[in-house]
Amino acid sequence: MVNYNQLEMHYMANSYTAVTKQDGGWWIGWIEEVPGVNCQERTRNALLASLRATLTEALVFNREEAIRAAAPDYTEELLTV
């Protein structure tokens, strides 16, 4: 089971850009840097919370998928951009 609080702390140094807009009675938004991370909520605050949660889940999924693809003998290197 993934501990999302610990994962969020791991990725805390990273910043992502949320593109948001109100469309009728809804707020919609995307994370610029990660394709597929998009949400729709009734309020801006709820939208930002959903984007954070969805981004965290996407990062976990992408990491697990990369490790499965590289297993069994892989190394990990931290990169700073």
Protein backbone atom coordinates (compact mmCIF):
# COMPACT_ATOMS: atom_id res chain seq x y z
CA MET A 1 0.00 0.00 0.00
CA VAL A 2 1.34 3.41 -1.00
CA ASN A 3 1.64 6.05 1.71
CA TYR A 4 0.62 9.15 -0.23
CA ASN A 5 1.75 11.51 2.55
CA GLN A 6 5.29 10.14 2.37
CA LEU A 7 5.23 10.24 -1.41
CA GLU A 8 4.03 13.84 -1.39
CA MET A 9 6.94 14.73 0.91
CA HIS A 10 9.32 13.03 -1.55
CA TYR A 11 8.02 15.11 -4.45
CA MET A 12 7.53 18.30 -2.41
CA ALA A 13 10.57 20.01 -3.94
CA ASN A 14 9.01 19.67 -7.39
CA SER A 15 6.60 22.28 -8.63
CA TYR A 16 3.96 21.76 -11.26
CA THR A 17 1.75 24.21 -13.11
CA ALA A 18 -2.03 23.96 -12.81
CA VAL A 19 -3.91 25.57 -15.67
CA THR A 20 -7.43 26.35 -14.46
CA LYS A 21 -10.54 28.05 -15.73
CA GLN A 22 -14.17 28.41 -14.84
CA ASP A 23 -16.60 27.04 -17.42
CA GLY A 24 -20.21 27.66 -16.51
CA GLY A 25 -20.80 26.19 -13.07
CA TRP A 26 -17.62 24.11 -13.14
CA TRP A 27 -13.93 24.69 -12.59
CA ILE A 28 -11.70 22.63 -14.89
CA GLY A 29 -7.96 22.23 -14.77
CA TRP A 30 -4.90 20.43 -16.05
CA ILE A 31 -1.32 19.93 -14.95
CA GLU A 32 0.86 21.31 -17.76
CA GLU A 33 3.82 19.03 -17.21
CA VAL A 34 2.02 15.69 -16.85
CA PRO A 35 -0.30 14.58 -19.66
CA GLY A 36 -3.55 13.03 -18.51
CA VAL A 37 -3.76 14.84 -15.18
CA ASN A 38 -6.98 16.82 -15.42
CA CYS A 39 -9.97 17.34 -13.15
CA GLN A 40 -13.34 19.07 -12.92
CA GLU A 41 -14.95 20.36 -9.71
CA ARG A 42 -17.64 22.82 -8.60
CA THR A 43 -15.19 25.12 -6.74
CA ARG A 44 -11.65 26.30 -7.42
CA ASN A 45 -10.41 25.00 -4.05
CA ALA A 46 -11.91 21.58 -4.70
CA LEU A 47 -10.33 21.59 -8.16
CA LEU A 48 -6.87 22.34 -6.79
CA ALA A 49 -7.24 19.58 -4.18
CA SER A 50 -8.33 17.11 -6.87
CA LEU A 51 -5.44 18.10 -9.12
CA ARG A 52 -2.96 17.54 -6.27
CA ALA A 53 -4.41 14.11 -5.48
CA THR A 54 -4.59 13.09 -9.15
CA LEU A 55 -1.03 14.29 -9.78
CA THR A 56 0.25 12.31 -6.79
CA GLU A 57 -1.54 9.18 -8.02
CA ALA A 58 -0.16 9.67 -11.55
CA LEU A 59 3.40 10.02 -10.22
CA VAL A 60 3.02 6.82 -8.19
CA PHE A 61 1.56 4.95 -11.15
CA ASN A 62 4.27 6.19 -13.54
CA ARG A 63 7.03 5.27 -11.08
CA GLU A 64 5.63 1.77 -10.48
CA GLU A 65 5.20 1.23 -14.23
CA ALA A 66 8.80 2.31 -14.92
CA ILE A 67 10.15 -0.01 -12.23
CA ARG A 68 8.12 -2.95 -13.58
CA ALA A 69 9.45 -2.27 -17.08
CA ALA A 70 13.07 -2.08 -15.88
CA ALA A 71 12.97 -4.95 -13.37
CA PRO A 72 14.70 -6.99 -12.16
CA ASP A 73 18.10 -5.29 -12.40
CA TYR A 74 17.73 -1.55 -12.47
CA THR A 75 19.17 1.49 -10.75
CA GLU A 76 17.55 4.77 -9.82
CA GLU A 77 19.19 8.18 -10.15
CA LEU A 78 17.76 11.46 -8.90
CA LEU A 79 17.77 14.21 -11.53
CA THR A 80 17.28 17.87 -10.87
CA VAL A 81 16.19 20.09 -13.74
